[in-house]
Amino acid sequence: NGKKKKTVEAISKLTESTIEMDNLGISPNYVSRIKTEQAGITKNVLRAFQIKETSFIPAAYAIVEVMSVFMIIGVMLLKLEPFVTSLVLLSIVVYIFLYMIFFIKDLDDPFENGGYADVDMFLIDEFEKKVK
């Protein structure tokens, strides 16, 4: 929450610059465009923070984990004649369900480092370097 407040305050400081530009007699079209862009930046930053703070898939964890347990137990209880066939089938089922669990957890927080669906924040980093 502290980062969100600090970020919105930093964007709000641009208002002072637009007032100064207006006082200097810069074309109202440019000042209006800057205000519009500022509102868009604020909107997108708040949206990104909301996405980061919201857990989208809590029920999916429970469903997949319960399904996984029941399917794995079910496949283990199957009486398939060649042991190798039952072992291969069990391995495939376990792999698919474990993959689904990890995939859902990864999609739930794409901003977390180290995930497979990692969102690269390089544009924000480059913008920060240019601003400094």
C-alpha atoms as a PDB file:
ATOM      1  CA  ASN A   1       0.000   0.000   0.000  1.00  0.00           C
ATOM      2  CA  GLY A   2       2.902   2.347   0.690  1.00  0.00           C
ATOM      3  CA  LYS A   3       4.278   1.845  -2.804  1.00  0.00           C
ATOM      4  CA  LYS A   4       0.888   2.518  -4.358  1.00  0.00           C
ATOM      5  CA  LYS A   5       0.455   5.770  -2.425  1.00  0.00           C
ATOM      6  CA  LYS A   6       4.002   6.879  -3.229  1.00  0.00           C
ATOM      7  CA  THR A   7       3.547   6.101  -6.926  1.00  0.00           C
ATOM      8  CA  VAL A   8       0.235   7.959  -7.200  1.00  0.00           C
ATOM      9  CA  GLU A   9       1.749  10.946  -5.378  1.00  0.00           C
ATOM     10  CA  ALA A  10       4.672  10.990  -7.822  1.00  0.00           C
ATOM     11  CA  ILE A  11       2.278  10.993 -10.766  1.00  0.00           C
ATOM     12  CA  SER A  12       0.188  13.729  -9.107  1.00  0.00           C
ATOM     13  CA  LYS A  13       3.266  15.964  -8.921  1.00  0.00           C
ATOM     14  CA  LEU A  14       3.050  16.275 -12.696  1.00  0.00           C
ATOM     15  CA  THR A  15       0.018  18.523 -12.155  1.00  0.00           C
ATOM     16  CA  GLU A  16       2.331  21.256 -10.876  1.00  0.00           C
ATOM     17  CA  SER A  17       4.305  21.072 -14.113  1.00  0.00           C
ATOM     18  CA  THR A  18       1.169  21.376 -16.226  1.00  0.00           C
ATOM     19  CA  ILE A  19       0.089  24.459 -14.245  1.00  0.00           C
ATOM     20  CA  GLU A  20       3.510  26.019 -14.837  1.00  0.00           C
ATOM     21  CA  MET A  21       3.286  25.180 -18.541  1.00  0.00           C
ATOM     22  CA  ASP A  22      -0.139  26.810 -18.675  1.00  0.00           C
ATOM     23  CA  ASN A  23       1.227  29.949 -16.960  1.00  0.00           C
ATOM     24  CA  LEU A  24       4.125  30.098 -19.436  1.00  0.00           C
ATOM     25  CA  GLY A  25       1.666  30.288 -22.296  1.00  0.00           C
ATOM     26  CA  ILE A  26       2.328  26.887 -23.814  1.00  0.00           C
ATOM     27  CA  SER A  27      -0.398  25.791 -26.191  1.00  0.00           C
ATOM     28  CA  PRO A  28      -3.483  24.510 -24.333  1.00  0.00           C
ATOM     29  CA  ASN A  29      -3.541  21.493 -26.641  1.00  0.00           C
ATOM     30  CA  TYR A  30      -0.199  20.286 -25.261  1.00  0.00           C
ATOM     31  CA  VAL A  31      -1.192  20.941 -21.668  1.00  0.00           C
ATOM     32  CA  SER A  32      -4.496  19.126 -22.187  1.00  0.00           C
ATOM     33  CA  ARG A  33      -2.713  16.174 -23.770  1.00  0.00           C
ATOM     34  CA  ILE A  34      -0.279  15.953 -20.852  1.00  0.00           C
ATOM     35  CA  LYS A  35      -3.195  15.972 -18.373  1.00  0.00           C
ATOM     36  CA  THR A  36      -4.904  13.206 -20.361  1.00  0.00           C
ATOM     37  CA  GLU A  37      -1.722  11.121 -20.387  1.00  0.00           C
ATOM     38  CA  GLN A  38      -1.302  11.708 -16.655  1.00  0.00           C
ATOM     39  CA  ALA A  39      -4.821  10.414 -16.015  1.00  0.00           C
ATOM     40  CA  GLY A  40      -4.086   7.365 -18.195  1.00  0.00           C
ATOM     41  CA  ILE A  41      -0.860   6.631 -16.334  1.00  0.00           C
ATOM     42  CA  THR A  42      -2.643   6.902 -12.985  1.00  0.00           C
ATOM     43  CA  LYS A  43      -5.395   4.583 -14.200  1.00  0.00           C
ATOM     44  CA  ASN A  44      -2.927   1.971 -15.483  1.00  0.00           C
ATOM     45  CA  VAL A  45      -0.762   2.106 -12.359  1.00  0.00           C
ATOM     46  CA  LEU A  46      -3.796   1.618 -10.110  1.00  0.00           C
ATOM     47  CA  ARG A  47      -4.953  -1.251 -12.335  1.00  0.00           C
ATOM     48  CA  ALA A  48      -1.538  -2.935 -12.079  1.00  0.00           C
ATOM     49  CA  PHE A  49      -1.544  -2.604  -8.288  1.00  0.00           C
ATOM     50  CA  GLN A  50      -5.083  -4.018  -8.152  1.00  0.00           C
ATOM     51  CA  ILE A  51      -4.083  -7.002 -10.276  1.00  0.00           C
ATOM     52  CA  LYS A  52      -1.042  -7.623  -8.096  1.00  0.00           C
ATOM     53  CA  GLU A  53      -3.026  -7.450  -4.854  1.00  0.00           C
ATOM     54  CA  THR A  54      -5.964  -9.598  -5.985  1.00  0.00           C
ATOM     55  CA  SER A  55      -5.884 -13.368  -5.745  1.00  0.00           C
ATOM     56  CA  PHE A  56      -7.860 -14.479  -8.780  1.00  0.00           C
ATOM     57  CA  ILE A  57      -7.936 -18.221  -8.419  1.00  0.00           C
ATOM     58  CA  PRO A  58      -8.328 -19.349  -4.796  1.00  0.00           C
ATOM     59  CA  ALA A  59     -11.101 -21.835  -5.604  1.00  0.00           C
ATOM     60  CA  ALA A  60      -9.116 -23.314  -8.477  1.00  0.00           C
ATOM     61  CA  TYR A  61      -6.358 -24.376  -6.076  1.00  0.00           C
ATOM     62  CA  ALA A  62      -8.800 -26.365  -3.973  1.00  0.00           C
ATOM     63  CA  ILE A  63     -10.572 -27.925  -6.962  1.00  0.00           C
ATOM     64  CA  VAL A  64      -7.398 -29.036  -8.701  1.00  0.00           C
ATOM     65  CA  GLU A  65      -5.780 -30.310  -5.519  1.00  0.00           C
ATOM     66  CA  VAL A  66      -8.867 -32.346  -4.524  1.00  0.00           C
ATOM     67  CA  MET A  67      -9.254 -33.654  -8.087  1.00  0.00           C
ATOM     68  CA  SER A  68      -5.577 -34.577  -8.123  1.00  0.00           C
ATOM     69  CA  VAL A  69      -5.785 -36.548  -4.922  1.00  0.00           C
ATOM     70  CA  PHE A  70      -8.907 -38.459  -6.032  1.00  0.00           C
ATOM     71  CA  MET A  71      -7.577 -39.147  -9.536  1.00  0.00           C
ATOM     72  CA  ILE A  72      -4.204 -40.348  -8.268  1.00  0.00           C
ATOM     73  CA  ILE A  73      -5.831 -42.605  -5.684  1.00  0.00           C
ATOM     74  CA  GLY A  74      -8.270 -43.841  -8.336  1.00  0.00           C
ATOM     75  CA  VAL A  75      -5.511 -44.705 -10.784  1.00  0.00           C
ATOM     76  CA  MET A  76      -3.523 -46.392  -8.017  1.00  0.00           C
ATOM     77  CA  LEU A  77      -6.508 -48.603  -7.188  1.00  0.00           C
ATOM     78  CA  LEU A  78      -7.033 -49.654 -10.810  1.00  0.00           C
ATOM     79  CA  LYS A  79      -6.023 -53.235 -11.513  1.00  0.00           C
ATOM     80  CA  LEU A  80      -4.158 -53.041 -14.777  1.00  0.00           C
ATOM     81  CA  GLU A  81      -2.506 -56.303 -15.715  1.00  0.00           C
ATOM     82  CA  PRO A  82       0.977 -55.272 -16.714  1.00  0.00           C
ATOM     83  CA  PHE A  83       2.516 -53.398 -13.816  1.00  0.00           C
ATOM     84  CA  VAL A  84       4.474 -51.209 -16.224  1.00  0.00           C
ATOM     85  CA  THR A  85       1.250 -50.007 -17.876  1.00  0.00           C
ATOM     86  CA  SER A  86      -0.294 -49.005 -14.555  1.00  0.00           C
ATOM     87  CA  LEU A  87       2.951 -47.279 -13.540  1.00  0.00           C
ATOM     88  CA  VAL A  88       3.064 -45.299 -16.808  1.00  0.00           C
ATOM     89  CA  LEU A  89      -0.602 -44.324 -16.490  1.00  0.00           C
ATOM     90  CA  LEU A  90      -0.110 -43.229 -12.874  1.00  0.00           C
ATOM     91  CA  SER A  91       2.959 -41.208 -13.852  1.00  0.00           C
ATOM     92  CA  ILE A  92       1.070 -39.408 -16.619  1.00  0.00           C
ATOM     93  CA  VAL A  93      -1.875 -38.566 -14.346  1.00  0.00           C
ATOM     94  CA  VAL A  94       0.412 -37.341 -11.558  1.00  0.00           C
ATOM     95  CA  TYR A  95       2.404 -35.227 -14.020  1.00  0.00           C
ATOM     96  CA  ILE A  96      -0.706 -33.603 -15.534  1.00  0.00           C
ATOM     97  CA  PHE A  97      -2.247 -32.716 -12.189  1.00  0.00           C
ATOM     98  CA  LEU A  98       0.995 -31.459 -10.653  1.00  0.00           C
ATOM     99  CA  TYR A  99       1.548 -29.354 -13.759  1.00  0.00           C
ATOM    100  CA  MET A 100      -1.967 -27.891 -13.408  1.00  0.00           C
ATOM    101  CA  ILE A 101      -1.352 -27.000  -9.755  1.00  0.00           C
ATOM    102  CA  PHE A 102       1.942 -25.249 -10.497  1.00  0.00           C
ATOM    103  CA  PHE A 103       0.458 -23.533 -13.555  1.00  0.00           C
ATOM    104  CA  ILE A 104      -2.470 -22.111 -11.563  1.00  0.00           C
ATOM    105  CA  LYS A 105      -0.174 -20.913  -8.792  1.00  0.00           C
ATOM    106  CA  ASP A 106       2.059 -19.273 -11.382  1.00  0.00           C
ATOM    107  CA  LEU A 107      -0.838 -17.526 -13.098  1.00  0.00           C
ATOM    108  CA  ASP A 108      -2.189 -16.308  -9.777  1.00  0.00           C
ATOM    109  CA  ASP A 109       0.814 -14.007  -9.231  1.00  0.00           C
ATOM    110  CA  PRO A 110       2.551 -13.237 -12.536  1.00  0.00           C
ATOM    111  CA  PHE A 111       4.599 -10.459 -10.919  1.00  0.00           C
ATOM    112  CA  GLU A 112       6.372 -12.880  -8.583  1.00  0.00           C
ATOM    113  CA  ASN A 113       9.956 -13.536  -9.640  1.00  0.00           C
ATOM    114  CA  GLY A 114      10.965 -17.011 -10.653  1.00  0.00           C
ATOM    115  CA  GLY A 115       7.675 -18.105 -12.185  1.00  0.00           C
ATOM    116  CA  TYR A 116       7.199 -19.468 -15.674  1.00  0.00           C
ATOM    117  CA  ALA A 117       4.587 -16.821 -16.539  1.00  0.00           C
ATOM    118  CA  ASP A 118       6.777 -14.065 -15.128  1.00  0.00           C
ATOM    119  CA  VAL A 119       5.813 -10.541 -16.210  1.00  0.00           C
ATOM    120  CA  ASP A 120       8.920  -8.644 -17.185  1.00  0.00           C
ATOM    121  CA  MET A 121       8.873  -5.086 -15.870  1.00  0.00           C
ATOM    122  CA  PHE A 122      11.678  -3.881 -18.162  1.00  0.00           C
ATOM    123  CA  LEU A 123       9.598  -1.021 -19.613  1.00  0.00           C
ATOM    124  CA  ILE A 124       9.017   0.457 -16.174  1.00  0.00           C
ATOM    125  CA  ASP A 125      12.692   0.015 -15.295  1.00  0.00           C
ATOM    126  CA  GLU A 126      13.762   1.780 -18.510  1.00  0.00           C
ATOM    127  CA  PHE A 127      11.277   4.591 -17.893  1.00  0.00           C
ATOM    128  CA  GLU A 128      12.605   5.003 -14.365  1.00  0.00           C
ATOM    129  CA  LYS A 129      16.183   5.285 -15.704  1.00  0.00           C
ATOM    130  CA  LYS A 130      15.118   7.948 -18.230  1.00  0.00           C
ATOM    131  CA  VAL A 131      13.274   9.952 -15.581  1.00  0.00           C
ATOM    132  CA  LYS A 132      16.297   9.938 -13.268  1.00  0.00           C
END
